[in-house]
Structures are given as C-alpha cells and as structure tokens.
Amino acid sequence: MDDKMGKTMTVLEGIIEDVSQALFQKWANALPEDQRTEENLNNLSNNSKDTTYFVVKMFMDRFNEAAAELKPLDDPK
C-alpha cells in the first residue's frame, strides 16, 4: 500500500489510519458547531490518533498474551 508521500504503509498502519480518521469524524460530528475551531479540530485529530494507537496496542498485547497461554495446549509433548 503506498501513501501520498511515496512511502510504503503496512496493512496495520493503514487500518490504524482509517480507524483514527473515522474516530476523528465521529467526534467532530458530535462537536457543537460553535466549538468547531481549528484548535479544537486539531486536538480531536491528535486525540483520535493517540486513542487508536492505544486501543490497537492494548488489543494486540492482550491477543498475544492469550495466544501464548493457549500455545502449550496446541503443542503436546
């Protein structure tokens, strides 16, 4: 997957970017019109990225922990 700058983006990075953008849009749509300043929108954008990375990292960590616990069950000796 190539982005606008010509750098290669991984599938995970693409998913994170899409989710972050969707989260930002959800928050921006919920923001009252009189509060939609450039500063507030920039803050929402940054927060959506930080939140998405946090959630994905936590999910992956928990998923990997569960997989590690199940691995001995799959590999009888």
PDB file of N, CA and C in Angstrom:
ATOM      1  N   MET A   1       0.853  -1.164   0.000  1.00  0.00           N
ATOM      2  CA  MET A   1       0.000   0.000   0.000  1.00  0.00           C
ATOM      3  C   MET A   1       0.902   1.231   0.000  1.00  0.00           C
ATOM      4  N   ASP A   2       0.734   2.157  -0.915  1.00  0.00           N
ATOM      5  CA  ASP A   2       1.549   3.364  -0.969  1.00  0.00           C
ATOM      6  C   ASP A   2       0.743   4.561  -0.513  1.00  0.00           C
ATOM      7  N   ASP A   3       1.381   5.429   0.278  1.00  0.00           N
ATOM      8  CA  ASP A   3       0.696   6.638   0.679  1.00  0.00           C
ATOM      9  C   ASP A   3       1.097   7.780  -0.243  1.00  0.00           C
ATOM     10  N   LYS A   4       0.622   8.980   0.046  1.00  0.00           N
ATOM     11  CA  LYS A   4       0.838  10.129  -0.829  1.00  0.00           C
ATOM     12  C   LYS A   4       2.303  10.544  -0.918  1.00  0.00           C
ATOM     13  N   MET A   5       3.084  10.213   0.083  1.00  0.00           N
ATOM     14  CA  MET A   5       4.484  10.608   0.102  1.00  0.00           C
ATOM     15  C   MET A   5       5.383   9.573  -0.577  1.00  0.00           C
ATOM     16  N   GLY A   6       4.820   8.520  -1.091  1.00  0.00           N
ATOM     17  CA  GLY A   6       5.605   7.508  -1.766  1.00  0.00           C
ATOM     18  C   GLY A   6       6.202   6.465  -0.838  1.00  0.00           C
ATOM     19  N   LYS A   7       5.934   6.596   0.470  1.00  0.00           N
ATOM     20  CA  LYS A   7       6.431   5.615   1.429  1.00  0.00           C
ATOM     21  C   LYS A   7       5.468   4.433   1.465  1.00  0.00           C
ATOM     22  N   THR A   8       6.000   3.282   1.768  1.00  0.00           N
ATOM     23  CA  THR A   8       5.164   2.097   1.885  1.00  0.00           C
ATOM     24  C   THR A   8       4.513   2.089   3.265  1.00  0.00           C
ATOM     25  N   MET A   9       3.199   1.839   3.275  1.00  0.00           N
ATOM     26  CA  MET A   9       2.447   1.773   4.520  1.00  0.00           C
ATOM     27  C   MET A   9       2.032   0.319   4.729  1.00  0.00           C
ATOM     28  N   THR A  10       2.256  -0.178   5.939  1.00  0.00           N
ATOM     29  CA  THR A  10       1.851  -1.549   6.230  1.00  0.00           C
ATOM     30  C   THR A  10       0.332  -1.618   6.320  1.00  0.00           C
ATOM     31  N   VAL A  11      -0.184  -2.830   6.250  1.00  0.00           N
ATOM     32  CA  VAL A  11      -1.628  -3.032   6.380  1.00  0.00           C
ATOM     33  C   VAL A  11      -2.101  -2.519   7.736  1.00  0.00           C
ATOM     34  N   LEU A  12      -1.364  -2.839   8.792  1.00  0.00           N
ATOM     35  CA  LEU A  12      -1.739  -2.384  10.128  1.00  0.00           C
ATOM     36  C   LEU A  12      -1.739  -0.863  10.209  1.00  0.00           C
ATOM     37  N   GLU A  13      -0.722  -0.219   9.651  1.00  0.00           N
ATOM     38  CA  GLU A  13      -0.689   1.245   9.655  1.00  0.00           C
ATOM     39  C   GLU A  13      -1.878   1.825   8.897  1.00  0.00           C
ATOM     40  N   GLY A  14      -2.257   1.194   7.808  1.00  0.00           N
ATOM     41  CA  GLY A  14      -3.411   1.641   7.042  1.00  0.00           C
ATOM     42  C   GLY A  14      -4.701   1.502   7.831  1.00  0.00           C
ATOM     43  N   ILE A  15      -4.837   0.388   8.547  1.00  0.00           N
ATOM     44  CA  ILE A  15      -6.023   0.171   9.377  1.00  0.00           C
ATOM     45  C   ILE A  15      -6.071   1.215  10.486  1.00  0.00           C
ATOM     46  N   ILE A  16      -4.946   1.436  11.139  1.00  0.00           N
ATOM     47  CA  ILE A  16      -4.882   2.428  12.221  1.00  0.00           C
ATOM     48  C   ILE A  16      -5.255   3.806  11.688  1.00  0.00           C
ATOM     49  N   GLU A  17      -4.747   4.165  10.535  1.00  0.00           N
ATOM     50  CA  GLU A  17      -5.066   5.463   9.931  1.00  0.00           C
ATOM     51  C   GLU A  17      -6.560   5.571   9.630  1.00  0.00           C
ATOM     52  N   ASP A  18      -7.158   4.520   9.075  1.00  0.00           N
ATOM     53  CA  ASP A  18      -8.590   4.532   8.760  1.00  0.00           C
ATOM     54  C   ASP A  18      -9.444   4.639  10.022  1.00  0.00           C
ATOM     55  N   VAL A  19      -9.096   3.870  11.038  1.00  0.00           N
ATOM     56  CA  VAL A  19      -9.856   3.900  12.293  1.00  0.00           C
ATOM     57  C   VAL A  19      -9.704   5.262  12.959  1.00  0.00           C
ATOM     58  N   SER A  20      -8.493   5.785  12.973  1.00  0.00           N
ATOM     59  CA  SER A  20      -8.234   7.100  13.554  1.00  0.00           C
ATOM     60  C   SER A  20      -9.066   8.173  12.861  1.00  0.00           C
ATOM     61  N   GLN A  21      -9.110   8.112  11.551  1.00  0.00           N
ATOM     62  CA  GLN A  21      -9.886   9.085  10.767  1.00  0.00           C
ATOM     63  C   GLN A  21     -11.379   8.959  11.064  1.00  0.00           C
ATOM     64  N   ALA A  22     -11.877   7.737  11.166  1.00  0.00           N
ATOM     65  CA  ALA A  22     -13.291   7.512  11.469  1.00  0.00           C
ATOM     66  C   ALA A  22     -13.636   8.008  12.879  1.00  0.00           C
ATOM     67  N   LEU A  23     -12.745   7.763  13.830  1.00  0.00           N
ATOM     68  CA  LEU A  23     -12.958   8.227  15.194  1.00  0.00           C
ATOM     69  C   LEU A  23     -12.968   9.754  15.239  1.00  0.00           C
ATOM     70  N   PHE A  24     -12.022  10.377  14.548  1.00  0.00           N
ATOM     71  CA  PHE A  24     -11.998  11.837  14.472  1.00  0.00           C
ATOM     72  C   PHE A  24     -13.312  12.361  13.898  1.00  0.00           C
ATOM     73  N   GLN A  25     -13.784  11.761  12.817  1.00  0.00           N
ATOM     74  CA  GLN A  25     -15.014  12.237  12.176  1.00  0.00           C
ATOM     75  C   GLN A  25     -16.199  12.099  13.117  1.00  0.00           C
ATOM     76  N   LYS A  26     -16.255  10.994  13.852  1.00  0.00           N
ATOM     77  CA  LYS A  26     -17.344  10.778  14.816  1.00  0.00           C
ATOM     78  C   LYS A  26     -17.323  11.869  15.883  1.00  0.00           C
ATOM     79  N   TRP A  27     -16.133  12.140  16.425  1.00  0.00           N
ATOM     80  CA  TRP A  27     -16.012  13.173  17.451  1.00  0.00           C
ATOM     81  C   TRP A  27     -16.299  14.559  16.889  1.00  0.00           C
ATOM     82  N   ALA A  28     -15.797  14.842  15.702  1.00  0.00           N
ATOM     83  CA  ALA A  28     -16.012  16.161  15.085  1.00  0.00           C
ATOM     84  C   ALA A  28     -17.497  16.383  14.813  1.00  0.00           C
ATOM     85  N   ASN A  29     -18.185  15.355  14.352  1.00  0.00           N
ATOM     86  CA  ASN A  29     -19.622  15.478  14.088  1.00  0.00           C
ATOM     87  C   ASN A  29     -20.414  15.724  15.363  1.00  0.00           C
ATOM     88  N   ALA A  30     -19.948  15.209  16.488  1.00  0.00           N
ATOM     89  CA  ALA A  30     -20.641  15.376  17.763  1.00  0.00           C
ATOM     90  C   ALA A  30     -20.340  16.733  18.407  1.00  0.00           C
ATOM     91  N   LEU A  31     -19.309  17.399  17.922  1.00  0.00           N
ATOM     92  CA  LEU A  31     -18.913  18.690  18.491  1.00  0.00           C
ATOM     93  C   LEU A  31     -19.903  19.765  18.046  1.00  0.00           C
ATOM     94  N   PRO A  32     -20.421  20.546  18.986  1.00  0.00           N
ATOM     95  CA  PRO A  32     -21.326  21.632  18.598  1.00  0.00           C
ATOM     96  C   PRO A  32     -20.650  22.565  17.589  1.00  0.00           C
ATOM     97  N   GLU A  33     -21.437  23.055  16.663  1.00  0.00           N
ATOM     98  CA  GLU A  33     -20.930  23.900  15.564  1.00  0.00           C
ATOM     99  C   GLU A  33     -20.088  25.074  16.076  1.00  0.00           C
ATOM    100  N   ASP A  34     -20.520  25.709  17.154  1.00  0.00           N
ATOM    101  CA  ASP A  34     -19.804  26.885  17.667  1.00  0.00           C
ATOM    102  C   ASP A  34     -18.464  26.535  18.322  1.00  0.00           C
ATOM    103  N   GLN A  35     -18.194  25.233  18.509  1.00  0.00           N
ATOM    104  CA  GLN A  35     -16.925  24.807  19.102  1.00  0.00           C
ATOM    105  C   GLN A  35     -15.973  24.193  18.078  1.00  0.00           C
ATOM    106  N   ARG A  36     -16.349  24.224  16.820  1.00  0.00           N
ATOM    107  CA  ARG A  36     -15.519  23.623  15.770  1.00  0.00           C
ATOM    108  C   ARG A  36     -14.448  24.603  15.291  1.00  0.00           C
ATOM    109  N   THR A  37     -13.559  24.931  16.195  1.00  0.00           N
ATOM    110  CA  THR A  37     -12.446  25.801  15.842  1.00  0.00           C
ATOM    111  C   THR A  37     -11.302  24.955  15.302  1.00  0.00           C
ATOM    112  N   GLU A  38     -10.375  25.605  14.645  1.00  0.00           N
ATOM    113  CA  GLU A  38      -9.211  24.876  14.122  1.00  0.00           C
ATOM    114  C   GLU A  38      -8.446  24.205  15.257  1.00  0.00           C
ATOM    115  N   GLU A  39      -8.308  24.902  16.372  1.00  0.00           N
ATOM    116  CA  GLU A  39      -7.594  24.343  17.517  1.00  0.00           C
ATOM    117  C   GLU A  39      -8.308  23.105  18.061  1.00  0.00           C
ATOM    118  N   ASN A  40      -9.619  23.195  18.231  1.00  0.00           N
ATOM    119  CA  ASN A  40     -10.374  22.043  18.738  1.00  0.00           C
ATOM    120  C   ASN A  40     -10.319  20.863  17.769  1.00  0.00           C
ATOM    121  N   LEU A  41     -10.438  21.129  16.479  1.00  0.00           N
ATOM    122  CA  LEU A  41     -10.362  20.053  15.495  1.00  0.00           C
ATOM    123  C   LEU A  41      -8.981  19.419  15.458  1.00  0.00           C
ATOM    124  N   ASN A  42      -7.927  20.232  15.591  1.00  0.00           N
ATOM    125  CA  ASN A  42      -6.562  19.682  15.660  1.00  0.00           C
ATOM    126  C   ASN A  42      -6.392  18.805  16.892  1.00  0.00           C
ATOM    127  N   ASN A  43      -6.945  19.264  18.023  1.00  0.00           N
ATOM    128  CA  ASN A  43      -6.874  18.459  19.246  1.00  0.00           C
ATOM    129  C   ASN A  43      -7.624  17.144  19.080  1.00  0.00           C
ATOM    130  N   LEU A  44      -8.805  17.197  18.467  1.00  0.00           N
ATOM    131  CA  LEU A  44      -9.562  15.963  18.221  1.00  0.00           C
ATOM    132  C   LEU A  44      -8.784  15.020  17.318  1.00  0.00           C
ATOM    133  N   SER A  45      -8.147  15.564  16.306  1.00  0.00           N
ATOM    134  CA  SER A  45      -7.363  14.737  15.388  1.00  0.00           C
ATOM    135  C   SER A  45      -6.219  14.043  16.123  1.00  0.00           C
ATOM    136  N   ASN A  46      -5.485  14.807  16.919  1.00  0.00           N
ATOM    137  CA  ASN A  46      -4.378  14.223  17.686  1.00  0.00           C
ATOM    138  C   ASN A  46      -4.879  13.189  18.683  1.00  0.00           C
ATOM    139  N   ASN A  47      -5.984  13.507  19.364  1.00  0.00           N
ATOM    140  CA  ASN A  47      -6.544  12.568  20.341  1.00  0.00           C
ATOM    141  C   ASN A  47      -7.043  11.297  19.675  1.00  0.00           C
ATOM    142  N   SER A  48      -7.620  11.414  18.485  1.00  0.00           N
ATOM    143  CA  SER A  48      -8.114  10.213  17.804  1.00  0.00           C
ATOM    144  C   SER A  48      -6.952   9.301  17.419  1.00  0.00           C
ATOM    145  N   LYS A  49      -5.838   9.888  17.000  1.00  0.00           N
ATOM    146  CA  LYS A  49      -4.663   9.078  16.662  1.00  0.00           C
ATOM    147  C   LYS A  49      -4.093   8.403  17.899  1.00  0.00           C
ATOM    148  N   ASP A  50      -3.926   9.184  18.981  1.00  0.00           N
ATOM    149  CA  ASP A  50      -3.392   8.618  20.219  1.00  0.00           C
ATOM    150  C   ASP A  50      -4.292   7.511  20.756  1.00  0.00           C
ATOM    151  N   THR A  51      -5.596   7.746  20.728  1.00  0.00           N
ATOM    152  CA  THR A  51      -6.550   6.764  21.233  1.00  0.00           C
ATOM    153  C   THR A  51      -6.534   5.501  20.391  1.00  0.00           C
ATOM    154  N   THR A  52      -6.478   5.656  19.088  1.00  0.00           N
ATOM    155  CA  THR A  52      -6.452   4.487  18.199  1.00  0.00           C
ATOM    156  C   THR A  52      -5.197   3.659  18.442  1.00  0.00           C
ATOM    157  N   TYR A  53      -4.030   4.301  18.524  1.00  0.00           N
ATOM    158  CA  TYR A  53      -2.797   3.559  18.796  1.00  0.00           C
ATOM    159  C   TYR A  53      -2.875   2.848  20.141  1.00  0.00           C
ATOM    160  N   PHE A  54      -3.409   3.525  21.149  1.00  0.00           N
ATOM    161  CA  PHE A  54      -3.544   2.933  22.475  1.00  0.00           C
ATOM    162  C   PHE A  54      -4.415   1.677  22.430  1.00  0.00           C
ATOM    163  N   VAL A  55      -5.572   1.789  21.796  1.00  0.00           N
ATOM    164  CA  VAL A  55      -6.513   0.673  21.740  1.00  0.00           C
ATOM    165  C   VAL A  55      -5.927  -0.496  20.940  1.00  0.00           C
ATOM    166  N   VAL A  56      -5.333  -0.211  19.788  1.00  0.00           N
ATOM    167  CA  VAL A  56      -4.770  -1.281  18.960  1.00  0.00           C
ATOM    168  C   VAL A  56      -3.614  -1.967  19.689  1.00  0.00           C
ATOM    169  N   LYS A  57      -2.752  -1.192  20.339  1.00  0.00           N
ATOM    170  CA  LYS A  57      -1.624  -1.784  21.068  1.00  0.00           C
ATOM    171  C   LYS A  57      -2.126  -2.656  22.215  1.00  0.00           C
ATOM    172  N   MET A  58      -3.114  -2.147  22.956  1.00  0.00           N
ATOM    173  CA  MET A  58      -3.657  -2.922  24.066  1.00  0.00           C
ATOM    174  C   MET A  58      -4.309  -4.208  23.559  1.00  0.00           C
ATOM    175  N   PHE A  59      -5.048  -4.118  22.459  1.00  0.00           N
ATOM    176  CA  PHE A  59      -5.671  -5.299  21.866  1.00  0.00           C
ATOM    177  C   PHE A  59      -4.603  -6.311  21.461  1.00  0.00           C
ATOM    178  N   MET A  60      -3.570  -5.848  20.774  1.00  0.00           N
ATOM    179  CA  MET A  60      -2.526  -6.764  20.306  1.00  0.00           C
ATOM    180  C   MET A  60      -1.792  -7.407  21.469  1.00  0.00           C
ATOM    181  N   ASP A  61      -1.514  -6.625  22.523  1.00  0.00           N
ATOM    182  CA  ASP A  61      -0.838  -7.185  23.693  1.00  0.00           C
ATOM    183  C   ASP A  61      -1.695  -8.273  24.342  1.00  0.00           C
ATOM    184  N   ARG A  62      -2.973  -7.992  24.519  1.00  0.00           N
ATOM    185  CA  ARG A  62      -3.875  -8.967  25.141  1.00  0.00           C
ATOM    186  C   ARG A  62      -4.046 -10.193  24.251  1.00  0.00           C
ATOM    187  N   PHE A  63      -4.150  -9.971  22.942  1.00  0.00           N
ATOM    188  CA  PHE A  63      -4.287 -11.072  21.994  1.00  0.00           C
ATOM    189  C   PHE A  63      -3.055 -11.971  22.052  1.00  0.00           C
ATOM    190  N   ASN A  64      -1.872 -11.376  22.054  1.00  0.00           N
ATOM    191  CA  ASN A  64      -0.625 -12.144  22.109  1.00  0.00           C
ATOM    192  C   ASN A  64      -0.484 -12.899  23.426  1.00  0.00           C
ATOM    193  N   GLU A  65      -0.920 -12.282  24.534  1.00  0.00           N
ATOM    194  CA  GLU A  65      -0.891 -12.976  25.825  1.00  0.00           C
ATOM    195  C   GLU A  65      -1.790 -14.210  25.791  1.00  0.00           C
ATOM    196  N   ALA A  66      -2.989 -14.050  25.257  1.00  0.00           N
ATOM    197  CA  ALA A  66      -3.925 -15.173  25.176  1.00  0.00           C
ATOM    198  C   ALA A  66      -3.369 -16.266  24.273  1.00  0.00           C
ATOM    199  N   ALA A  67      -2.757 -15.875  23.173  1.00  0.00           N
ATOM    200  CA  ALA A  67      -2.178 -16.855  22.253  1.00  0.00           C
ATOM    201  C   ALA A  67      -1.031 -17.609  22.934  1.00  0.00           C
ATOM    202  N   ALA A  68      -0.225 -16.897  23.714  1.00  0.00           N
ATOM    203  CA  ALA A  68       0.887 -17.540  24.419  1.00  0.00           C
ATOM    204  C   ALA A  68       0.372 -18.542  25.450  1.00  0.00           C
ATOM    205  N   GLU A  69      -0.740 -18.203  26.104  1.00  0.00           N
ATOM    206  CA  GLU A  69      -1.323 -19.123  27.085  1.00  0.00           C
ATOM    207  C   GLU A  69      -1.896 -20.360  26.412  1.00  0.00           C
ATOM    208  N   LEU A  70      -2.437 -20.200  25.224  1.00  0.00           N
ATOM    209  CA  LEU A  70      -3.052 -21.324  24.510  1.00  0.00           C
ATOM    210  C   LEU A  70      -2.027 -22.189  23.787  1.00  0.00           C
ATOM    211  N   LYS A  71      -0.873 -21.644  23.478  1.00  0.00           N
ATOM    212  CA  LYS A  71       0.132 -22.372  22.705  1.00  0.00           C
ATOM    213  C   LYS A  71       0.502 -23.713  23.341  1.00  0.00           C
ATOM    214  N   PRO A  72       0.757 -23.775  24.656  1.00  0.00           N
ATOM    215  CA  PRO A  72       1.085 -25.094  25.239  1.00  0.00           C
ATOM    216  C   PRO A  72      -0.023 -26.136  25.046  1.00  0.00           C
ATOM    217  N   LEU A  73      -1.273 -25.683  24.948  1.00  0.00           N
ATOM    218  CA  LEU A  73      -2.374 -26.618  24.733  1.00  0.00           C
ATOM    219  C   LEU A  73      -2.345 -27.191  23.326  1.00  0.00           C
ATOM    220  N   ASP A  74      -1.833 -26.420  22.378  1.00  0.00           N
ATOM    221  CA  ASP A  74      -1.749 -26.857  20.980  1.00  0.00           C
ATOM    222  C   ASP A  74      -0.521 -27.711  20.703  1.00  0.00           C
ATOM    223  N   ASP A  75       0.469 -27.668  21.578  1.00  0.00           N
ATOM    224  CA  ASP A  75       1.742 -28.314  21.324  1.00  0.00           C
ATOM    225  C   ASP A  75       2.028 -29.375  22.397  1.00  0.00           C
ATOM    226  N   PRO A  76       1.290 -30.505  22.381  1.00  0.00           N
ATOM    227  CA  PRO A  76       1.515 -31.544  23.399  1.00  0.00           C
ATOM    228  C   PRO A  76       2.876 -32.203  23.217  1.00  0.00           C
ATOM    229  N   LYS A  77       3.508 -32.527  24.337  1.00  0.00           N
ATOM    230  CA  LYS A  77       4.835 -33.163  24.272  1.00  0.00           C
ATOM    231  C   LYS A  77       4.751 -34.610  24.647  1.00  0.00           C
TER     232      LYS A  77
END
